[in-house]
């Protein structure tokens, strides 16, 4: 399940180190539109497709989504224009939400006392996919081209579909609702659980800070003081691999001590990463900052998932929809804003933008902590 989640989620990040290469190949300014469309597609999929995990047999749903994802990747590989690659990116994001079908299924299959560690293990695979996707895409795009990266992803998605068919157990849903009523209950869950609202808003802010950095990294590295291309931008995925360690550690910490403190720590570390980016302008500063950024965002995410999945076991897919949907809407906002800020104010403006999002996430958590103590 960890491998399947990693293969699925990787597809929404392949484009980031390749943006400058894609923009040279296709007419029109698509650098901001491609990651924004992908993030929006992922958010739409979280709200429209992931709730189906509470309604239909989960193994069949996961296999079907992987197969359709392979078709969307082939569409991206043959896209002849900027408009077509943006549409393909939207579809890739929509269908890559199969990763978020796998995560609540892991929580459903795990024993309660092992749920945090189990989700942390699956999320470690998902985070590996996020980070290594950029390394792989940067290498393939530099030496083969951006279309070749999408072609390579097609058999990977089909292979994941086959693997899920072999290893996943059948898992029937607990709810007996119509699809329309199921979607309506998402709003009821938002109203009912303050902890869900806090988790979703926090992750939206932190993931906006995350996507601000990764969307602009290839352009930052192309500047004269660095002079690097897509391959080096992709290698930053390996640098951020320390975030993978945060997933199982945060899950075990939440099992033993509760998740709230881990969320606060993750938000504060994310804010610290943007202070490093803004004040330390060298390559070493980028390396140190990305380690803090990935560790902070992923620690907060795993801990927030631990909190959210415990709220109502029969509705885990929909609870995950709210948490991850809010997170990727925040990511889409960060991707959409960073290019205009980059054009207007350079790296200083980007640092203020990313730091501002991180400060919102940390402020929400600290305010909630003060209210609890009060």
Foldseek 3Di string as FASTA:
>chain_A
DLQLLLLLLLLLQLCQLCLVVVPVVADDNQLLLLSLLLLVLLLVLLLQPLLCLQPFWLLVSLLVLLLVLLVLLLQCLPDPHSVSVSVSSSSSSNSSCSSLSVLLVQLLPDDLLCSLLSSLSSVLSNLLSNLLSLLVSLVCCVVPRNSVSSVVSNVVSNVSSVVSVPPPDTDGHPDHDDSVVSSVCLVVVCVPDPLLVLLQLLLLLLLLLVLLCSSCVQVLCCDPVRNDGSNVSSCLSVLQSLLSVLRSVLSNCCSVPNLLVQLLQLLVLLLVLLVLVQPPPDPVSVSVSSNSSSNSSSSNNSSSLSVQCVPDVSRSSSSSSSRVSSNSVSNSVSSNPNVVQCVVPNSNSSSCSSSVSSVVSNVSSVVVVVVVVD
